[in-house]
């Protein structure tokens, strides 16, 4: 589980890469606000099943749910397990309506990419 306050928009996908300079501070603030208030208004629960480096994840948000597969970079050290992966999530499946900028200047695609970094310890 994680809290909505830990999620941040870092940029917009442009030509297959995240461009951190394309969104203004105000745009990032507005997108972050909508994510916290509309998508993550509560807890998000992620359950993962591991098979080697492949993960099957079930993401349950307050307004929807989605199952996704991801290949993870997994590192074991000092009794803990670090997992890093990239997920493609559908905002519609998670219960979020279309995200648009002021006066429709931009629109966020339904599919968003989430970079996930987790540490499991005994």
N, C-alpha and C. Protein backbone atom coordinates (compact mmCIF):
# COMPACT_ATOMS: atom_id res chain seq x y z
N UNK A 1 0.85 -1.17 0.00
CA UNK A 1 0.00 0.00 0.00
C UNK A 1 0.89 1.23 0.00
N UNK A 2 0.36 2.30 -0.58
CA UNK A 2 1.07 3.56 -0.52
C UNK A 2 0.06 4.69 -0.47
N UNK A 3 0.50 5.81 0.05
CA UNK A 3 -0.38 6.96 0.15
C UNK A 3 -0.33 7.82 -1.10
N UNK A 4 -1.42 8.52 -1.35
CA UNK A 4 -1.52 9.36 -2.54
C UNK A 4 -0.47 10.46 -2.55
N UNK A 5 -0.06 10.92 -1.39
CA UNK A 5 0.92 12.00 -1.32
C UNK A 5 2.29 11.62 -1.83
N UNK A 6 2.56 10.34 -2.01
CA UNK A 6 3.88 9.92 -2.48
C UNK A 6 3.99 9.88 -4.01
N UNK A 7 2.89 10.11 -4.72
CA UNK A 7 2.88 10.04 -6.18
C UNK A 7 3.14 11.43 -6.74
N UNK A 8 4.07 11.54 -7.71
CA UNK A 8 4.40 12.80 -8.34
C UNK A 8 4.48 12.64 -9.85
N UNK A 9 3.98 13.64 -10.58
CA UNK A 9 4.14 13.70 -12.03
C UNK A 9 5.51 14.32 -12.29
N UNK A 10 6.33 13.64 -13.09
CA UNK A 10 7.67 14.17 -13.38
C UNK A 10 7.78 14.78 -14.76
N UNK A 11 6.85 14.48 -15.65
CA UNK A 11 6.90 15.03 -17.00
C UNK A 11 5.86 14.38 -17.88
N UNK A 12 6.03 14.60 -19.17
CA UNK A 12 5.10 14.03 -20.15
C UNK A 12 5.89 13.17 -21.12
N UNK A 13 5.25 12.11 -21.59
CA UNK A 13 5.89 11.22 -22.56
C UNK A 13 5.92 11.92 -23.91
N UNK A 14 7.12 12.05 -24.45
CA UNK A 14 7.31 12.73 -25.73
C UNK A 14 8.34 11.94 -26.53
N UNK A 15 7.92 11.43 -27.67
CA UNK A 15 8.79 10.62 -28.53
C UNK A 15 9.37 9.43 -27.77
N UNK A 16 8.53 8.79 -26.94
CA UNK A 16 8.93 7.59 -26.24
C UNK A 16 9.75 7.80 -24.98
N UNK A 17 9.97 9.05 -24.59
CA UNK A 17 10.75 9.35 -23.37
C UNK A 17 10.00 10.37 -22.52
N UNK A 18 10.28 10.34 -21.22
CA UNK A 18 9.68 11.32 -20.32
C UNK A 18 10.44 12.63 -20.46
N UNK A 19 9.73 13.68 -20.84
CA UNK A 19 10.30 15.01 -20.98
C UNK A 19 9.87 15.82 -19.76
N UNK A 20 10.82 16.15 -18.89
CA UNK A 20 10.50 16.85 -17.65
C UNK A 20 10.24 18.33 -17.86
N UNK A 21 10.59 18.88 -19.03
CA UNK A 21 10.43 20.30 -19.26
C UNK A 21 9.17 20.69 -20.00
N UNK A 22 8.36 19.74 -20.41
CA UNK A 22 7.20 20.05 -21.25
C UNK A 22 6.00 20.58 -20.45
N UNK A 23 5.88 20.24 -19.19
CA UNK A 23 4.77 20.70 -18.35
C UNK A 23 5.23 21.83 -17.46
N UNK A 24 4.38 22.84 -17.31
CA UNK A 24 4.69 23.93 -16.39
C UNK A 24 4.51 23.44 -14.96
N UNK A 25 5.01 24.21 -14.01
CA UNK A 25 4.84 23.87 -12.60
C UNK A 25 3.35 23.80 -12.27
N UNK A 26 2.57 24.73 -12.81
CA UNK A 26 1.12 24.74 -12.57
C UNK A 26 0.43 23.51 -13.14
N UNK A 27 0.85 23.09 -14.35
CA UNK A 27 0.26 21.89 -14.96
C UNK A 27 0.57 20.66 -14.11
N UNK A 28 1.83 20.51 -13.68
CA UNK A 28 2.20 19.36 -12.84
C UNK A 28 1.41 19.38 -11.53
N UNK A 29 1.27 20.57 -10.94
CA UNK A 29 0.50 20.70 -9.70
C UNK A 29 -0.94 20.25 -9.90
N UNK A 30 -1.57 20.70 -10.99
CA UNK A 30 -2.97 20.35 -11.27
C UNK A 30 -3.13 18.85 -11.51
N UNK A 31 -2.22 18.25 -12.26
CA UNK A 31 -2.29 16.81 -12.52
C UNK A 31 -2.09 16.04 -11.21
N UNK A 32 -1.09 16.45 -10.40
CA UNK A 32 -0.88 15.82 -9.10
C UNK A 32 -2.13 15.92 -8.23
N UNK A 33 -2.76 17.10 -8.23
CA UNK A 33 -3.97 17.30 -7.42
C UNK A 33 -5.08 16.36 -7.86
N UNK A 34 -5.30 16.26 -9.16
CA UNK A 34 -6.36 15.39 -9.67
C UNK A 34 -6.06 13.92 -9.38
N UNK A 35 -4.80 13.53 -9.48
CA UNK A 35 -4.44 12.14 -9.16
C UNK A 35 -4.75 11.85 -7.70
N UNK A 36 -4.36 12.76 -6.80
CA UNK A 36 -4.61 12.54 -5.37
C UNK A 36 -6.11 12.54 -5.06
N UNK A 37 -6.85 13.49 -5.63
CA UNK A 37 -8.26 13.65 -5.26
C UNK A 37 -9.20 12.70 -6.00
N UNK A 38 -8.85 12.33 -7.25
CA UNK A 38 -9.77 11.51 -8.02
C UNK A 38 -9.34 10.05 -8.11
N UNK A 39 -8.07 9.80 -8.29
CA UNK A 39 -7.60 8.43 -8.44
C UNK A 39 -7.24 7.81 -7.11
N UNK A 40 -6.47 8.53 -6.34
CA UNK A 40 -5.90 7.94 -5.13
C UNK A 40 -6.53 8.49 -3.86
N UNK A 41 -7.81 8.78 -3.90
CA UNK A 41 -8.51 9.29 -2.73
C UNK A 41 -8.69 8.14 -1.75
N UNK A 42 -7.62 7.77 -1.12
CA UNK A 42 -7.60 6.62 -0.22
C UNK A 42 -6.33 5.83 -0.49
N UNK A 43 -6.36 4.56 -0.23
CA UNK A 43 -5.19 3.71 -0.42
C UNK A 43 -5.24 3.00 -1.75
N UNK A 44 -4.07 2.76 -2.29
CA UNK A 44 -3.92 1.91 -3.46
C UNK A 44 -3.22 0.65 -2.98
N UNK A 45 -3.78 -0.48 -3.30
CA UNK A 45 -3.21 -1.76 -2.87
C UNK A 45 -2.67 -2.47 -4.10
N UNK A 46 -1.41 -2.86 -4.03
CA UNK A 46 -0.77 -3.58 -5.11
C UNK A 46 -0.33 -4.94 -4.58
N UNK A 47 -0.81 -6.00 -5.23
CA UNK A 47 -0.42 -7.35 -4.87
C UNK A 47 0.39 -7.92 -6.03
N UNK A 48 1.57 -8.46 -5.72
CA UNK A 48 2.45 -8.97 -6.78
C UNK A 48 2.73 -10.44 -6.56
N UNK A 49 2.74 -11.18 -7.66
CA UNK A 49 3.14 -12.57 -7.68
C UNK A 49 4.38 -12.65 -8.57
N UNK A 50 5.44 -13.24 -8.05
CA UNK A 50 6.72 -13.29 -8.77
C UNK A 50 6.96 -14.66 -9.35
N UNK A 51 7.39 -14.67 -10.63
CA UNK A 51 7.88 -15.88 -11.28
C UNK A 51 9.18 -15.50 -11.97
N UNK A 52 10.30 -15.75 -11.29
CA UNK A 52 11.59 -15.29 -11.82
C UNK A 52 11.64 -13.78 -11.79
N UNK A 53 11.89 -13.16 -12.94
CA UNK A 53 11.90 -11.70 -13.03
C UNK A 53 10.57 -11.12 -13.50
N UNK A 54 9.60 -11.99 -13.78
CA UNK A 54 8.30 -11.52 -14.22
C UNK A 54 7.37 -11.36 -13.01
N UNK A 55 6.62 -10.29 -13.03
CA UNK A 55 5.66 -10.02 -11.97
C UNK A 55 4.26 -9.93 -12.55
N UNK A 56 3.31 -10.47 -11.84
CA UNK A 56 1.89 -10.28 -12.15
C UNK A 56 1.37 -9.42 -11.01
N UNK A 57 0.91 -8.21 -11.34
CA UNK A 57 0.47 -7.27 -10.32
C UNK A 57 -1.01 -7.00 -10.44
N UNK A 58 -1.67 -6.96 -9.32
CA UNK A 58 -3.07 -6.55 -9.25
C UNK A 58 -3.08 -5.20 -8.54
N UNK A 59 -3.55 -4.16 -9.23
CA UNK A 59 -3.60 -2.81 -8.68
C UNK A 59 -5.06 -2.50 -8.37
N UNK A 60 -5.34 -2.21 -7.11
CA UNK A 60 -6.70 -1.89 -6.69
C UNK A 60 -6.69 -0.48 -6.12
N UNK A 61 -7.37 0.43 -6.83
CA UNK A 61 -7.51 1.82 -6.40
C UNK A 61 -8.92 2.00 -5.86
N UNK A 62 -9.20 3.11 -5.18
CA UNK A 62 -10.53 3.30 -4.61
C UNK A 62 -11.67 3.22 -5.62
N UNK A 63 -11.41 3.54 -6.91
CA UNK A 63 -12.49 3.56 -7.90
C UNK A 63 -12.37 2.49 -8.98
N UNK A 64 -11.36 1.65 -8.93
CA UNK A 64 -11.23 0.64 -9.98
C UNK A 64 -10.08 -0.31 -9.70
N UNK A 65 -9.86 -1.22 -10.65
CA UNK A 65 -8.79 -2.20 -10.48
C UNK A 65 -8.25 -2.59 -11.84
N UNK A 66 -7.00 -3.09 -11.85
CA UNK A 66 -6.38 -3.53 -13.09
C UNK A 66 -5.29 -4.55 -12.76
N UNK A 67 -5.15 -5.54 -13.65
CA UNK A 67 -4.06 -6.51 -13.55
C UNK A 67 -3.07 -6.21 -14.67
N UNK A 68 -1.78 -6.24 -14.34
CA UNK A 68 -0.74 -5.97 -15.34
C UNK A 68 0.42 -6.92 -15.13
N UNK A 69 1.19 -7.12 -16.19
CA UNK A 69 2.42 -7.90 -16.12
C UNK A 69 3.60 -6.96 -16.31
N UNK A 70 4.68 -7.25 -15.64
CA UNK A 70 5.89 -6.43 -15.78
C UNK A 70 7.11 -7.30 -15.55
N UNK A 71 8.20 -6.92 -16.21
CA UNK A 71 9.48 -7.56 -15.95
C UNK A 71 10.25 -6.62 -15.02
N UNK A 72 10.74 -7.16 -13.94
CA UNK A 72 11.36 -6.34 -12.90
C UNK A 72 12.86 -6.57 -12.82
N UNK A 73 13.54 -5.52 -12.39
CA UNK A 73 14.94 -5.64 -11.99
C UNK A 73 14.90 -5.94 -10.49
N UNK A 74 15.40 -7.11 -10.11
CA UNK A 74 15.31 -7.56 -8.72
C UNK A 74 16.72 -7.72 -8.17
N UNK A 75 16.97 -7.07 -7.03
CA UNK A 75 18.28 -7.13 -6.38
C UNK A 75 18.10 -7.56 -4.93
N UNK A 76 18.86 -8.56 -4.52
CA UNK A 76 18.82 -9.00 -3.12
C UNK A 76 20.08 -8.51 -2.43
N UNK A 77 19.89 -7.85 -1.26
CA UNK A 77 21.05 -7.42 -0.48
C UNK A 77 20.65 -7.13 0.95
N UNK A 78 21.54 -7.43 1.84
CA UNK A 78 21.36 -7.16 3.27
C UNK A 78 20.01 -7.63 3.81
N UNK A 79 19.55 -8.78 3.37
CA UNK A 79 18.30 -9.33 3.86
C UNK A 79 17.06 -8.68 3.29
N UNK A 80 17.22 -7.83 2.28
CA UNK A 80 16.05 -7.20 1.67
C UNK A 80 16.03 -7.48 0.17
N UNK A 81 14.91 -7.23 -0.43
CA UNK A 81 14.71 -7.45 -1.85
C UNK A 81 14.26 -6.13 -2.46
N UNK A 82 15.06 -5.58 -3.39
CA UNK A 82 14.70 -4.35 -4.09
C UNK A 82 14.12 -4.72 -5.44
N UNK A 83 12.95 -4.16 -5.76
CA UNK A 83 12.25 -4.44 -7.01
C UNK A 83 11.98 -3.12 -7.72
N UNK A 84 12.40 -3.04 -8.98
CA UNK A 84 12.12 -1.86 -9.81
C UNK A 84 11.48 -2.34 -11.10
N UNK A 85 10.38 -1.70 -11.48
CA UNK A 85 9.73 -2.07 -12.73
C UNK A 85 8.95 -0.89 -13.28
N UNK A 86 8.55 -1.03 -14.52
CA UNK A 86 7.78 -0.02 -15.22
C UNK A 86 6.43 -0.64 -15.58
N UNK A 87 5.35 0.05 -15.23
CA UNK A 87 4.00 -0.46 -15.49
C UNK A 87 3.24 0.48 -16.40
N UNK A 88 2.45 -0.07 -17.30
CA UNK A 88 1.52 0.72 -18.09
C UNK A 88 0.14 0.50 -17.49
N UNK A 89 -0.47 1.58 -17.04
CA UNK A 89 -1.77 1.50 -16.37
C UNK A 89 -2.81 2.30 -17.14
N UNK A 90 -4.04 1.82 -17.14
CA UNK A 90 -5.16 2.52 -17.75
C UNK A 90 -5.88 3.31 -16.66
N UNK A 91 -5.94 4.63 -16.84
CA UNK A 91 -6.65 5.44 -15.86
C UNK A 91 -8.13 5.10 -15.85
N UNK A 92 -8.68 4.77 -17.01
CA UNK A 92 -10.10 4.40 -17.10
C UNK A 92 -10.37 3.15 -16.25
N UNK A 93 -9.49 2.14 -16.36
CA UNK A 93 -9.67 0.91 -15.57
C UNK A 93 -9.58 1.19 -14.08
N UNK A 94 -8.79 2.21 -13.71
CA UNK A 94 -8.63 2.55 -12.30
C UNK A 94 -9.67 3.57 -11.82
N UNK A 95 -10.62 3.92 -12.70
CA UNK A 95 -11.73 4.76 -12.30
C UNK A 95 -11.54 6.25 -12.46
N UNK A 96 -10.61 6.69 -13.30
CA UNK A 96 -10.35 8.11 -13.49
C UNK A 96 -10.84 8.55 -14.86
N UNK A 97 -11.55 9.66 -14.89
CA UNK A 97 -11.99 10.22 -16.17
C UNK A 97 -10.84 10.90 -16.88
N UNK A 98 -11.08 11.40 -18.08
CA UNK A 98 -10.02 12.06 -18.86
C UNK A 98 -9.41 13.24 -18.10
N UNK A 99 -8.09 13.38 -18.19
CA UNK A 99 -7.37 14.50 -17.58
C UNK A 99 -7.02 15.47 -18.69
N UNK A 100 -7.46 16.72 -18.53
CA UNK A 100 -7.20 17.75 -19.54
C UNK A 100 -6.57 18.96 -18.87
N UNK A 101 -5.79 19.69 -19.65
CA UNK A 101 -5.21 20.93 -19.16
C UNK A 101 -6.22 22.05 -19.23
N UNK A 102 -5.86 23.22 -18.70
CA UNK A 102 -6.78 24.36 -18.76
C UNK A 102 -7.19 24.65 -20.20
N UNK A 103 -8.48 24.85 -20.40
CA UNK A 103 -9.04 25.16 -21.72
C UNK A 103 -8.68 24.11 -22.77
N UNK A 104 -8.43 22.89 -22.34
CA UNK A 104 -8.15 21.79 -23.27
C UNK A 104 -6.82 21.90 -23.99
N UNK A 105 -5.86 22.66 -23.42
CA UNK A 105 -4.56 22.85 -24.06
C UNK A 105 -3.83 21.53 -24.25
N UNK A 106 -3.97 20.61 -23.30
CA UNK A 106 -3.38 19.29 -23.44
C UNK A 106 -4.32 18.27 -22.84
N UNK A 107 -4.10 17.02 -23.19
CA UNK A 107 -4.88 15.92 -22.66
C UNK A 107 -3.90 14.81 -22.31
N UNK A 108 -4.10 14.17 -21.17
CA UNK A 108 -3.28 13.05 -20.76
C UNK A 108 -3.90 11.78 -21.34
N UNK A 109 -3.10 10.96 -22.00
CA UNK A 109 -3.61 9.71 -22.57
C UNK A 109 -4.15 8.82 -21.46
N UNK A 110 -5.04 7.90 -21.85
CA UNK A 110 -5.59 6.97 -20.87
C UNK A 110 -4.48 6.11 -20.27
N UNK A 111 -3.53 5.70 -21.09
CA UNK A 111 -2.45 4.85 -20.60
C UNK A 111 -1.33 5.71 -20.06
N UNK A 112 -1.00 5.49 -18.79
CA UNK A 112 0.11 6.20 -18.17
C UNK A 112 1.16 5.18 -17.75
N UNK A 113 2.39 5.62 -17.68
CA UNK A 113 3.49 4.77 -17.27
C UNK A 113 3.86 5.11 -15.84
N UNK A 114 3.92 4.09 -15.00
CA UNK A 114 4.33 4.27 -13.61
C UNK A 114 5.65 3.56 -13.41
N UNK A 115 6.62 4.26 -12.86
CA UNK A 115 7.90 3.65 -12.49
C UNK A 115 7.81 3.31 -11.01
N UNK A 116 7.99 2.05 -10.70
CA UNK A 116 7.78 1.56 -9.34
C UNK A 116 9.09 1.07 -8.75
N UNK A 117 9.36 1.50 -7.53
CA UNK A 117 10.53 1.06 -6.80
C UNK A 117 10.06 0.61 -5.41
N UNK A 118 10.28 -0.68 -5.11
CA UNK A 118 9.81 -1.25 -3.84
C UNK A 118 10.97 -1.91 -3.11
N UNK A 119 10.92 -1.91 -1.79
CA UNK A 119 11.89 -2.65 -0.98
C UNK A 119 11.13 -3.52 0.00
N UNK A 120 11.44 -4.81 -0.06
CA UNK A 120 10.83 -5.78 0.85
C UNK A 120 11.91 -6.23 1.82
N UNK A 121 11.58 -6.25 3.10
CA UNK A 121 12.55 -6.72 4.09
C UNK A 121 11.85 -7.67 5.05
N UNK A 122 12.66 -8.52 5.66
CA UNK A 122 12.10 -9.52 6.59
C UNK A 122 11.86 -8.93 7.95
